[in-house]
Amino acid sequence: AKAGGTPLAVVRNGQLLGVVYLKDIVKGGIRERFAELRQMGIR
């Protein structure tokens, strides 16, 4: 969760096996577009 993902726990016959790391994939180039907006003076 701290890394920005979504944890999905897995259990088999009542025994905890671990967690699947689901990640929201940030769109490519979006960081650069926000940098442009910052240059435009937009928050």
PDB file of all heavy atoms in Angstrom:
ATOM      1  N   ALA A   1       0.829  -1.212   0.000  1.00  0.00           N
ATOM      2  CA  ALA A   1       0.000   0.000   0.000  1.00  0.00           C
ATOM      3  C   ALA A   1       0.857   1.252   0.000  1.00  0.00           C
ATOM      4  O   ALA A   1       0.567   2.234  -0.703  1.00  0.00           O
ATOM      5  CB  ALA A   1      -0.935  -0.014   1.209  1.00  0.00           C
ATOM      6  N   LYS A   2       1.955   1.243   0.787  1.00  0.00           N
ATOM      7  CA  LYS A   2       2.843   2.411   0.830  1.00  0.00           C
ATOM      8  C   LYS A   2       3.528   2.644  -0.507  1.00  0.00           C
ATOM      9  O   LYS A   2       3.889   3.772  -0.839  1.00  0.00           O
ATOM     10  CB  LYS A   2       3.892   2.215   1.929  1.00  0.00           C
ATOM     11  CG  LYS A   2       3.340   2.336   3.341  1.00  0.00           C
ATOM     12  CD  LYS A   2       4.420   2.087   4.379  1.00  0.00           C
ATOM     13  CE  LYS A   2       3.840   2.177   5.794  1.00  0.00           C
ATOM     14  NZ  LYS A   2       4.857   1.876   6.833  1.00  0.00           N
ATOM     15  N   ALA A   3       3.702   1.573  -1.263  1.00  0.00           N
ATOM     16  CA  ALA A   3       4.329   1.693  -2.588  1.00  0.00           C
ATOM     17  C   ALA A   3       3.325   2.084  -3.659  1.00  0.00           C
ATOM     18  O   ALA A   3       3.686   2.221  -4.834  1.00  0.00           O
ATOM     19  CB  ALA A   3       4.993   0.372  -2.962  1.00  0.00           C
ATOM     20  N   GLY A   4       2.058   2.277  -3.254  1.00  0.00           N
ATOM     21  CA  GLY A   4       1.042   2.693  -4.213  1.00  0.00           C
ATOM     22  C   GLY A   4       0.279   1.564  -4.851  1.00  0.00           C
ATOM     23  O   GLY A   4      -0.493   1.775  -5.787  1.00  0.00           O
ATOM     24  N   GLY A   5       0.480   0.322  -4.358  1.00  0.00           N
ATOM     25  CA  GLY A   5      -0.210  -0.818  -4.939  1.00  0.00           C
ATOM     26  C   GLY A   5      -1.418  -1.240  -4.126  1.00  0.00           C
ATOM     27  O   GLY A   5      -1.747  -0.648  -3.097  1.00  0.00           O
ATOM     28  N   THR A   6      -2.069  -2.276  -4.612  1.00  0.00           N
ATOM     29  CA  THR A   6      -3.225  -2.851  -3.922  1.00  0.00           C
ATOM     30  C   THR A   6      -2.890  -4.286  -3.542  1.00  0.00           C
ATOM     31  O   THR A   6      -2.577  -5.100  -4.416  1.00  0.00           O
ATOM     32  CB  THR A   6      -4.467  -2.831  -4.824  1.00  0.00           C
ATOM     33  OG1 THR A   6      -4.758  -1.487  -5.194  1.00  0.00           O
ATOM     34  CG2 THR A   6      -5.672  -3.432  -4.103  1.00  0.00           C
ATOM     35  N   PRO A   7      -2.936  -4.616  -2.252  1.00  0.00           N
ATOM     36  CA  PRO A   7      -2.625  -5.983  -1.834  1.00  0.00           C
ATOM     37  C   PRO A   7      -3.839  -6.896  -1.950  1.00  0.00           C
ATOM     38  O   PRO A   7      -4.959  -6.502  -1.643  1.00  0.00           O
ATOM     39  CB  PRO A   7      -2.208  -5.808  -0.374  1.00  0.00           C
ATOM     40  CG  PRO A   7      -2.949  -4.589   0.087  1.00  0.00           C
ATOM     41  CD  PRO A   7      -3.119  -3.705  -1.113  1.00  0.00           C
ATOM     42  N   LEU A   8      -3.620  -8.120  -2.412  1.00  0.00           N
ATOM     43  CA  LEU A   8      -4.681  -9.112  -2.564  1.00  0.00           C
ATOM     44  C   LEU A   8      -4.208 -10.387  -1.863  1.00  0.00           C
ATOM     45  O   LEU A   8      -3.273 -11.045  -2.322  1.00  0.00           O
ATOM     46  CB  LEU A   8      -4.932  -9.376  -4.052  1.00  0.00           C
ATOM     47  CG  LEU A   8      -6.316  -9.848  -4.486  1.00  0.00           C
ATOM     48  CD1 LEU A   8      -7.355  -8.785  -4.168  1.00  0.00           C
ATOM     49  CD2 LEU A   8      -6.315 -10.135  -5.978  1.00  0.00           C
ATOM     50  N   ALA A   9      -4.798 -10.694  -0.729  1.00  0.00           N
ATOM     51  CA  ALA A   9      -4.358 -11.855   0.044  1.00  0.00           C
ATOM     52  C   ALA A   9      -4.899 -13.148  -0.555  1.00  0.00           C
ATOM     53  O   ALA A   9      -5.993 -13.174  -1.138  1.00  0.00           O
ATOM     54  CB  ALA A   9      -4.809 -11.718   1.499  1.00  0.00           C
ATOM     55  N   VAL A  10      -4.126 -14.238  -0.396  1.00  0.00           N
ATOM     56  CA  VAL A  10      -4.519 -15.552  -0.920  1.00  0.00           C
ATOM     57  C   VAL A  10      -4.476 -16.557   0.235  1.00  0.00           C
ATOM     58  O   VAL A  10      -3.500 -16.600   1.002  1.00  0.00           O
ATOM     59  CB  VAL A  10      -3.583 -16.011  -2.048  1.00  0.00           C
ATOM     60  CG1 VAL A  10      -4.011 -17.385  -2.579  1.00  0.00           C
ATOM     61  CG2 VAL A  10      -3.558 -14.985  -3.179  1.00  0.00           C
ATOM     62  N   VAL A  11      -5.547 -17.364   0.352  1.00  0.00           N
ATOM     63  CA  VAL A  11      -5.628 -18.374   1.403  1.00  0.00           C
ATOM     64  C   VAL A  11      -6.063 -19.698   0.786  1.00  0.00           C
ATOM     65  O   VAL A  11      -6.906 -19.728  -0.116  1.00  0.00           O
ATOM     66  CB  VAL A  11      -6.615 -17.925   2.516  1.00  0.00           C
ATOM     67  CG1 VAL A  11      -8.001 -17.702   1.943  1.00  0.00           C
ATOM     68  CG2 VAL A  11      -6.657 -18.931   3.651  1.00  0.00           C
ATOM     69  N   ARG A  12      -5.450 -20.808   1.255  1.00  0.00           N
ATOM     70  CA  ARG A  12      -5.833 -22.135   0.776  1.00  0.00           C
ATOM     71  C   ARG A  12      -6.138 -23.013   1.982  1.00  0.00           C
ATOM     72  O   ARG A  12      -5.299 -23.166   2.887  1.00  0.00           O
ATOM     73  CB  ARG A  12      -4.708 -22.747  -0.055  1.00  0.00           C
ATOM     74  CG  ARG A  12      -5.044 -24.134  -0.634  1.00  0.00           C
ATOM     75  CD  ARG A  12      -3.910 -24.664  -1.472  1.00  0.00           C
ATOM     76  NE  ARG A  12      -2.695 -24.800  -0.655  1.00  0.00           N
ATOM     77  CZ  ARG A  12      -1.469 -24.899  -1.166  1.00  0.00           C
ATOM     78  NH1 ARG A  12      -1.295 -24.849  -2.479  1.00  0.00           N
ATOM     79  NH2 ARG A  12      -0.427 -25.026  -0.367  1.00  0.00           N
ATOM     80  N   ASN A  13      -7.356 -23.525   1.984  1.00  0.00           N
ATOM     81  CA  ASN A  13      -7.808 -24.372   3.096  1.00  0.00           C
ATOM     82  C   ASN A  13      -7.546 -23.709   4.452  1.00  0.00           C
ATOM     83  O   ASN A  13      -7.060 -24.350   5.398  1.00  0.00           O
ATOM     84  CB  ASN A  13      -7.121 -25.743   3.037  1.00  0.00           C
ATOM     85  CG  ASN A  13      -7.570 -26.551   1.831  1.00  0.00           C
ATOM     86  OD1 ASN A  13      -8.673 -26.351   1.321  1.00  0.00           O
ATOM     87  ND2 ASN A  13      -6.721 -27.458   1.374  1.00  0.00           N
ATOM     88  N   GLY A  14      -7.826 -22.435   4.539  1.00  0.00           N
ATOM     89  CA  GLY A  14      -7.714 -21.706   5.789  1.00  0.00           C
ATOM     90  C   GLY A  14      -6.321 -21.270   6.154  1.00  0.00           C
ATOM     91  O   GLY A  14      -6.117 -20.640   7.209  1.00  0.00           O
ATOM     92  N   GLN A  15      -5.315 -21.568   5.327  1.00  0.00           N
ATOM     93  CA  GLN A  15      -3.933 -21.205   5.612  1.00  0.00           C
ATOM     94  C   GLN A  15      -3.471 -20.072   4.681  1.00  0.00           C
ATOM     95  O   GLN A  15      -3.602 -20.172   3.456  1.00  0.00           O
ATOM     96  CB  GLN A  15      -3.023 -22.428   5.446  1.00  0.00           C
ATOM     97  CG  GLN A  15      -3.317 -23.537   6.437  1.00  0.00           C
ATOM     98  CD  GLN A  15      -3.186 -23.062   7.887  1.00  0.00           C
ATOM     99  OE1 GLN A  15      -2.147 -22.537   8.298  1.00  0.00           O
ATOM    100  NE2 GLN A  15      -4.248 -23.247   8.662  1.00  0.00           N
ATOM    101  N   LEU A  16      -2.937 -19.031   5.290  1.00  0.00           N
ATOM    102  CA  LEU A  16      -2.483 -17.867   4.523  1.00  0.00           C
ATOM    103  C   LEU A  16      -1.230 -18.215   3.723  1.00  0.00           C
ATOM    104  O   LEU A  16      -0.257 -18.757   4.282  1.00  0.00           O
ATOM    105  CB  LEU A  16      -2.189 -16.702   5.467  1.00  0.00           C
ATOM    106  CG  LEU A  16      -3.406 -16.127   6.209  1.00  0.00           C
ATOM    107  CD1 LEU A  16      -2.961 -15.180   7.310  1.00  0.00           C
ATOM    108  CD2 LEU A  16      -4.334 -15.413   5.237  1.00  0.00           C
ATOM    109  N   LEU A  17      -1.264 -17.911   2.415  1.00  0.00           N
ATOM    110  CA  LEU A  17      -0.122 -18.207   1.541  1.00  0.00           C
ATOM    111  C   LEU A  17       0.722 -16.967   1.243  1.00  0.00           C
ATOM    112  O   LEU A  17       1.939 -17.070   1.047  1.00  0.00           O
ATOM    113  CB  LEU A  17      -0.608 -18.812   0.216  1.00  0.00           C
ATOM    114  CG  LEU A  17      -1.396 -20.123   0.316  1.00  0.00           C
ATOM    115  CD1 LEU A  17      -1.799 -20.582  -1.079  1.00  0.00           C
ATOM    116  CD2 LEU A  17      -0.582 -21.193   1.024  1.00  0.00           C
ATOM    117  N   GLY A  18       0.080 -15.805   1.156  1.00  0.00           N
ATOM    118  CA  GLY A  18       0.823 -14.590   0.830  1.00  0.00           C
ATOM    119  C   GLY A  18      -0.077 -13.555   0.177  1.00  0.00           C
ATOM    120  O   GLY A  18      -1.312 -13.630   0.283  1.00  0.00           O
ATOM    121  N   VAL A  19       0.569 -12.635  -0.501  1.00  0.00           N
ATOM    122  CA  VAL A  19      -0.148 -11.491  -1.069  1.00  0.00           C
ATOM    123  C   VAL A  19       0.254 -11.290  -2.528  1.00  0.00           C
ATOM    124  O   VAL A  19       1.440 -11.397  -2.876  1.00  0.00           O
ATOM    125  CB  VAL A  19       0.161 -10.207  -0.262  1.00  0.00           C
ATOM    126  CG1 VAL A  19      -0.595  -9.012  -0.853  1.00  0.00           C
ATOM    127  CG2 VAL A  19      -0.203 -10.391   1.206  1.00  0.00           C
ATOM    128  N   VAL A  20      -0.731 -11.013  -3.359  1.00  0.00           N
ATOM    129  CA  VAL A  20      -0.482 -10.628  -4.750  1.00  0.00           C
ATOM    130  C   VAL A  20      -0.408  -9.097  -4.799  1.00  0.00           C
ATOM    131  O   VAL A  20      -1.283  -8.408  -4.272  1.00  0.00           O
ATOM    132  CB  VAL A  20      -1.599 -11.130  -5.685  1.00  0.00           C
ATOM    133  CG1 VAL A  20      -1.308 -10.713  -7.126  1.00  0.00           C
ATOM    134  CG2 VAL A  20      -1.745 -12.633  -5.583  1.00  0.00           C
ATOM    135  N   TYR A  21       0.646  -8.588  -5.424  1.00  0.00           N
ATOM    136  CA  TYR A  21       0.861  -7.142  -5.553  1.00  0.00           C
ATOM    137  C   TYR A  21       0.179  -6.665  -6.840  1.00  0.00           C
ATOM    138  O   TYR A  21       0.621  -6.953  -7.942  1.00  0.00           O
ATOM    139  CB  TYR A  21       2.361  -6.872  -5.587  1.00  0.00           C
ATOM    140  CG  TYR A  21       2.779  -5.419  -5.627  1.00  0.00           C
ATOM    141  CD1 TYR A  21       4.114  -5.079  -5.406  1.00  0.00           C
ATOM    142  CD2 TYR A  21       1.897  -4.377  -5.890  1.00  0.00           C
ATOM    143  CE1 TYR A  21       4.556  -3.767  -5.433  1.00  0.00           C
ATOM    144  CE2 TYR A  21       2.306  -3.066  -5.922  1.00  0.00           C
ATOM    145  CZ  TYR A  21       3.640  -2.764  -5.700  1.00  0.00           C
ATOM    146  OH  TYR A  21       4.064  -1.460  -5.733  1.00  0.00           O
ATOM    147  N   LEU A  22      -0.945  -5.957  -6.684  1.00  0.00           N
ATOM    148  CA  LEU A  22      -1.624  -5.341  -7.836  1.00  0.00           C
ATOM    149  C   LEU A  22      -1.202  -3.879  -7.913  1.00  0.00           C
ATOM    150  O   LEU A  22      -1.287  -3.146  -6.920  1.00  0.00           O
ATOM    151  CB  LEU A  22      -3.142  -5.422  -7.684  1.00  0.00           C
ATOM    152  CG  LEU A  22      -3.781  -6.809  -7.664  1.00  0.00           C
ATOM    153  CD1 LEU A  22      -5.293  -6.684  -7.476  1.00  0.00           C
ATOM    154  CD2 LEU A  22      -3.475  -7.578  -8.934  1.00  0.00           C
ATOM    155  N   LYS A  23      -0.762  -3.487  -9.064  1.00  0.00           N
ATOM    156  CA  LYS A  23      -0.255  -2.120  -9.205  1.00  0.00           C
ATOM    157  C   LYS A  23      -1.081  -1.337 -10.207  1.00  0.00           C
ATOM    158  O   LYS A  23      -1.406  -1.834 -11.283  1.00  0.00           O
ATOM    159  CB  LYS A  23       1.209  -2.143  -9.658  1.00  0.00           C
ATOM    160  CG  LYS A  23       1.842  -0.758  -9.712  1.00  0.00           C
ATOM    161  CD  LYS A  23       3.317  -0.838 -10.087  1.00  0.00           C
ATOM    162  CE  LYS A  23       3.935   0.549 -10.112  1.00  0.00           C
ATOM    163  NZ  LYS A  23       5.365   0.514 -10.505  1.00  0.00           N
ATOM    164  N   ASP A  24      -1.425  -0.096  -9.804  1.00  0.00           N
ATOM    165  CA  ASP A  24      -2.031   0.844 -10.748  1.00  0.00           C
ATOM    166  C   ASP A  24      -0.921   1.347 -11.653  1.00  0.00           C
ATOM    167  O   ASP A  24       0.022   1.997 -11.183  1.00  0.00           O
ATOM    168  CB  ASP A  24      -2.655   2.032 -10.004  1.00  0.00           C
ATOM    169  CG  ASP A  24      -4.105   1.784  -9.667  1.00  0.00           C
ATOM    170  OD1 ASP A  24      -4.756   1.049 -10.418  1.00  0.00           O
ATOM    171  OD2 ASP A  24      -4.584   2.312  -8.652  1.00  0.00           O
ATOM    172  N   ILE A  25      -1.026   1.070 -12.932  1.00  0.00           N
ATOM    173  CA  ILE A  25       0.027   1.460 -13.869  1.00  0.00           C
ATOM    174  C   ILE A  25      -0.181   2.914 -14.278  1.00  0.00           C
ATOM    175  O   ILE A  25      -1.197   3.270 -14.891  1.00  0.00           O
ATOM    176  CB  ILE A  25       0.026   0.557 -15.122  1.00  0.00           C
ATOM    177  CG1 ILE A  25       0.094  -0.920 -14.703  1.00  0.00           C
ATOM    178  CG2 ILE A  25       1.180   0.924 -16.036  1.00  0.00           C
ATOM    179  CD1 ILE A  25       1.319  -1.295 -13.931  1.00  0.00           C
ATOM    180  N   VAL A  26       0.774   3.760 -13.910  1.00  0.00           N
ATOM    181  CA  VAL A  26       0.701   5.174 -14.287  1.00  0.00           C
ATOM    182  C   VAL A  26       0.951   5.296 -15.783  1.00  0.00           C
ATOM    183  O   VAL A  26       1.860   4.668 -16.334  1.00  0.00           O
ATOM    184  CB  VAL A  26       1.734   6.002 -13.490  1.00  0.00           C
ATOM    185  CG1 VAL A  26       1.780   7.437 -13.987  1.00  0.00           C
ATOM    186  CG2 VAL A  26       1.390   5.964 -12.005  1.00  0.00           C
ATOM    187  N   LYS A  27       0.146   6.094 -16.455  1.00  0.00           N
ATOM    188  CA  LYS A  27       0.250   6.231 -17.907  1.00  0.00           C
ATOM    189  C   LYS A  27       1.607   6.794 -18.307  1.00  0.00           C
ATOM    190  O   LYS A  27       2.152   7.679 -17.651  1.00  0.00           O
ATOM    191  CB  LYS A  27      -0.864   7.156 -18.431  1.00  0.00           C
ATOM    192  CG  LYS A  27      -2.244   6.538 -18.354  1.00  0.00           C
ATOM    193  CD  LYS A  27      -3.287   7.443 -18.967  1.00  0.00           C
ATOM    194  CE  LYS A  27      -4.661   6.775 -18.986  1.00  0.00           C
ATOM    195  NZ  LYS A  27      -5.693   7.652 -19.556  1.00  0.00           N
ATOM    196  N   GLY A  28       2.115   6.287 -19.414  1.00  0.00           N
ATOM    197  CA  GLY A  28       3.397   6.753 -19.924  1.00  0.00           C
ATOM    198  C   GLY A  28       3.340   8.218 -20.334  1.00  0.00           C
ATOM    199  O   GLY A  28       2.394   8.654 -20.989  1.00  0.00           O
ATOM    200  N   GLY A  29       4.343   8.980 -19.920  1.00  0.00           N
ATOM    201  CA  GLY A  29       4.430  10.391 -20.296  1.00  0.00           C
ATOM    202  C   GLY A  29       3.598  11.322 -19.450  1.00  0.00           C
ATOM    203  O   GLY A  29       3.653  12.541 -19.638  1.00  0.00           O
ATOM    204  N   ILE A  30       2.795  10.765 -18.502  1.00  0.00           N
ATOM    205  CA  ILE A  30       1.908  11.635 -17.728  1.00  0.00           C
ATOM    206  C   ILE A  30       2.707  12.542 -16.801  1.00  0.00           C
ATOM    207  O   ILE A  30       2.324  13.689 -16.548  1.00  0.00           O
ATOM    208  CB  ILE A  30       0.880  10.794 -16.931  1.00  0.00           C
ATOM    209  CG1 ILE A  30      -0.314  11.654 -16.505  1.00  0.00           C
ATOM    210  CG2 ILE A  30       1.511  10.154 -15.716  1.00  0.00           C
ATOM    211  CD1 ILE A  30      -1.269  11.958 -17.602  1.00  0.00           C
ATOM    212  N   ARG A  31       3.851  12.051 -16.295  1.00  0.00           N
ATOM    213  CA  ARG A  31       4.677  12.877 -15.410  1.00  0.00           C
ATOM    214  C   ARG A  31       5.194  14.108 -16.148  1.00  0.00           C
ATOM    215  O   ARG A  31       5.224  15.207 -15.597  1.00  0.00           O
ATOM    216  CB  ARG A  31       5.844  12.044 -14.862  1.00  0.00           C
ATOM    217  CG  ARG A  31       6.625  12.742 -13.768  1.00  0.00           C
ATOM    218  CD  ARG A  31       7.773  11.879 -13.245  1.00  0.00           C
ATOM    219  NE  ARG A  31       8.419  12.525 -12.118  1.00  0.00           N
ATOM    220  CZ  ARG A  31       8.051  12.399 -10.863  1.00  0.00           C
ATOM    221  NH1 ARG A  31       7.025  11.621 -10.559  1.00  0.00           N
ATOM    222  NH2 ARG A  31       8.693  13.034  -9.893  1.00  0.00           N
ATOM    223  N   GLU A  32       5.605  13.910 -17.407  1.00  0.00           N
ATOM    224  CA  GLU A  32       6.099  15.034 -18.203  1.00  0.00           C
ATOM    225  C   GLU A  32       4.982  16.041 -18.486  1.00  0.00           C
ATOM    226  O   GLU A  32       5.223  17.263 -18.518  1.00  0.00           O
ATOM    227  CB  GLU A  32       6.690  14.527 -19.522  1.00  0.00           C
ATOM    228  CG  GLU A  32       7.997  13.750 -19.392  1.00  0.00           C
ATOM    229  CD  GLU A  32       7.827  12.374 -18.777  1.00  0.00           C
ATOM    230  OE1 GLU A  32       6.697  11.823 -18.846  1.00  0.00           O
ATOM    231  OE2 GLU A  32       8.811  11.840 -18.235  1.00  0.00           O
ATOM    232  N   ARG A  33       3.771  15.530 -18.684  1.00  0.00           N
ATOM    233  CA  ARG A  33       2.647  16.435 -18.950  1.00  0.00           C
ATOM    234  C   ARG A  33       2.331  17.279 -17.723  1.00  0.00           C
ATOM    235  O   ARG A  33       2.020  18.463 -17.818  1.00  0.00           O
ATOM    236  CB  ARG A  33       1.417  15.625 -19.376  1.00  0.00           C
ATOM    237  CG  ARG A  33       1.641  14.846 -20.652  1.00  0.00           C
ATOM    238  CD  ARG A  33       0.380  14.178 -21.127  1.00  0.00           C
ATOM    239  NE  ARG A  33      -0.492  15.126 -21.795  1.00  0.00           N
ATOM    240  CZ  ARG A  33      -1.681  14.804 -22.307  1.00  0.00           C
ATOM    241  NH1 ARG A  33      -2.113  13.584 -22.213  1.00  0.00           N
ATOM    242  NH2 ARG A  33      -2.414  15.706 -22.893  1.00  0.00           N
ATOM    243  N   PHE A  34       2.426  16.665 -16.536  1.00  0.00           N
ATOM    244  CA  PHE A  34       2.197  17.433 -15.317  1.00  0.00           C
ATOM    245  C   PHE A  34       3.309  18.453 -15.105  1.00  0.00           C
ATOM    246  O   PHE A  34       3.069  19.530 -14.552  1.00  0.00           O
ATOM    247  CB  PHE A  34       2.088  16.496 -14.111  1.00  0.00           C
ATOM    248  CG  PHE A  34       0.806  15.711 -14.071  1.00  0.00           C
ATOM    249  CD1 PHE A  34       0.778  14.404 -13.628  1.00  0.00           C
ATOM    250  CD2 PHE A  34      -0.384  16.278 -14.494  1.00  0.00           C
ATOM    251  CE1 PHE A  34      -0.401  13.675 -13.601  1.00  0.00           C
ATOM    252  CE2 PHE A  34      -1.574  15.565 -14.473  1.00  0.00           C
ATOM    253  CZ  PHE A  34      -1.586  14.266 -14.032  1.00  0.00           C
ATOM    254  N   ALA A  35       4.518  18.126 -15.528  1.00  0.00           N
ATOM    255  CA  ALA A  35       5.617  19.090 -15.433  1.00  0.00           C
ATOM    256  C   ALA A  35       5.336  20.299 -16.323  1.00  0.00           C
ATOM    257  O   ALA A  35       5.624  21.443 -15.950  1.00  0.00           O
ATOM    258  CB  ALA A  35       6.934  18.423 -15.834  1.00  0.00           C
ATOM    259  N   GLU A  36       4.748  20.043 -17.501  1.00  0.00           N
ATOM    260  CA  GLU A  36       4.368  21.136 -18.397  1.00  0.00           C
ATOM    261  C   GLU A  36       3.310  22.027 -17.741  1.00  0.00           C
ATOM    262  O   GLU A  36       3.385  23.259 -17.812  1.00  0.00           O
ATOM    263  CB  GLU A  36       3.825  20.577 -19.717  1.00  0.00           C
ATOM    264  CG  GLU A  36       4.871  19.985 -20.631  1.00  0.00           C
ATOM    265  CD  GLU A  36       4.261  19.514 -21.935  1.00  0.00           C
ATOM    266  OE1 GLU A  36       3.120  19.913 -22.241  1.00  0.00           O
ATOM    267  OE2 GLU A  36       4.909  18.730 -22.648  1.00  0.00           O
ATOM    268  N   LEU A  37       2.327  21.384 -17.108  1.00  0.00           N
ATOM    269  CA  LEU A  37       1.285  22.153 -16.430  1.00  0.00           C
ATOM    270  C   LEU A  37       1.885  22.995 -15.311  1.00  0.00           C
ATOM    271  O   LEU A  37       1.463  24.134 -15.084  1.00  0.00           O
ATOM    272  CB  LEU A  37       0.219  21.209 -15.864  1.00  0.00           C
ATOM    273  CG  LEU A  37      -0.683  20.524 -16.888  1.00  0.00           C
ATOM    274  CD1 LEU A  37      -1.517  19.445 -16.226  1.00  0.00           C
ATOM    275  CD2 LEU A  37      -1.589  21.530 -17.570  1.00  0.00           C
ATOM    276  N   ARG A  38       2.877  22.444 -14.624  1.00  0.00           N
ATOM    277  CA  ARG A  38       3.521  23.196 -13.548  1.00  0.00           C
ATOM    278  C   ARG A  38       4.221  24.425 -14.130  1.00  0.00           C
ATOM    279  O   ARG A  38       4.218  25.508 -13.525  1.00  0.00           O
ATOM    280  CB  ARG A  38       4.513  22.288 -12.817  1.00  0.00           C
ATOM    281  CG  ARG A  38       4.913  22.778 -11.433  1.00  0.00           C
ATOM    282  CD  ARG A  38       5.716  21.727 -10.692  1.00  0.00           C
ATOM    283  NE  ARG A  38       4.890  20.562 -10.391  1.00  0.00           N
ATOM    284  CZ  ARG A  38       5.047  19.365 -10.954  1.00  0.00           C
ATOM    285  NH1 ARG A  38       6.012  19.178 -11.836  1.00  0.00           N
ATOM    286  NH2 ARG A  38       4.264  18.355 -10.631  1.00  0.00           N
ATOM    287  N   GLN A  39       4.823  24.268 -15.318  1.00  0.00           N
ATOM    288  CA  GLN A  39       5.463  25.403 -15.982  1.00  0.00           C
ATOM    289  C   GLN A  39       4.436  26.459 -16.373  1.00  0.00           C
ATOM    290  O   GLN A  39       4.738  27.656 -16.419  1.00  0.00           O
ATOM    291  CB  GLN A  39       6.204  24.932 -17.234  1.00  0.00           C
ATOM    292  CG  GLN A  39       7.528  24.242 -16.941  1.00  0.00           C
ATOM    293  CD  GLN A  39       8.269  23.911 -18.226  1.00  0.00           C
ATOM    294  OE1 GLN A  39       7.706  23.316 -19.154  1.00  0.00           O
ATOM    295  NE2 GLN A  39       9.529  24.291 -18.299  1.00  0.00           N
ATOM    296  N   MET A  40       3.220  25.999 -16.668  1.00  0.00           N
ATOM    297  CA  MET A  40       2.137  26.914 -17.016  1.00  0.00           C
ATOM    298  C   MET A  40       1.567  27.609 -15.779  1.00  0.00           C
ATOM    299  O   MET A  40       0.694  28.459 -15.892  1.00  0.00           O
ATOM    300  CB  MET A  40       1.015  26.141 -17.724  1.00  0.00           C
ATOM    301  CG  MET A  40       1.428  25.583 -19.077  1.00  0.00           C
ATOM    302  SD  MET A  40       0.409  24.163 -19.645  1.00  0.00           S
ATOM    303  CE  MET A  40      -1.214  24.877 -19.719  1.00  0.00           C
ATOM    304  N   GLY A  41       2.036  27.215 -14.598  1.00  0.00           N
ATOM    305  CA  GLY A  41       1.532  27.814 -13.366  1.00  0.00           C
ATOM    306  C   GLY A  41       0.262  27.166 -12.860  1.00  0.00           C
ATOM    307  O   GLY A  41      -0.476  27.768 -12.073  1.00  0.00           O
ATOM    308  N   ILE A  42       0.010  25.913 -13.300  1.00  0.00           N
ATOM    309  CA  ILE A  42      -1.214  25.211 -12.909  1.00  0.00           C
ATOM    310  C   ILE A  42      -0.889  24.147 -11.872  1.00  0.00           C
ATOM    311  O   ILE A  42       0.023  23.338 -12.057  1.00  0.00           O
ATOM    312  CB  ILE A  42      -1.896  24.573 -14.133  1.00  0.00           C
ATOM    313  CG1 ILE A  42      -2.329  25.663 -15.119  1.00  0.00           C
ATOM    314  CG2 ILE A  42      -3.092  23.736 -13.718  1.00  0.00           C
ATOM    315  CD1 ILE A  42      -2.871  25.115 -16.413  1.00  0.00           C
ATOM    316  N   ARG A  43      -1.645  24.152 -10.779  1.00  0.00           N
ATOM    317  CA  ARG A  43      -1.480  23.159  -9.716  1.00  0.00           C
ATOM    318  C   ARG A  43      -2.388  21.973 -10.018  1.00  0.00           C
ATOM    319  O   ARG A  43      -3.569  22.135 -10.286  1.00  0.00           O
ATOM    320  CB  ARG A  43      -1.842  23.797  -8.375  1.00  0.00           C
ATOM    321  CG  ARG A  43      -1.825  22.851  -7.183  1.00  0.00           C
ATOM    322  CD  ARG A  43      -1.999  23.649  -5.890  1.00  0.00           C
ATOM    323  NE  ARG A  43      -2.205  22.771  -4.734  1.00  0.00           N
ATOM    324  CZ  ARG A  43      -3.390  22.492  -4.214  1.00  0.00           C
ATOM    325  NH1 ARG A  43      -4.483  23.028  -4.738  1.00  0.00           N
ATOM    326  NH2 ARG A  43      -3.496  21.698  -3.171  1.00  0.00           N
TER     327      ARG A  43
END
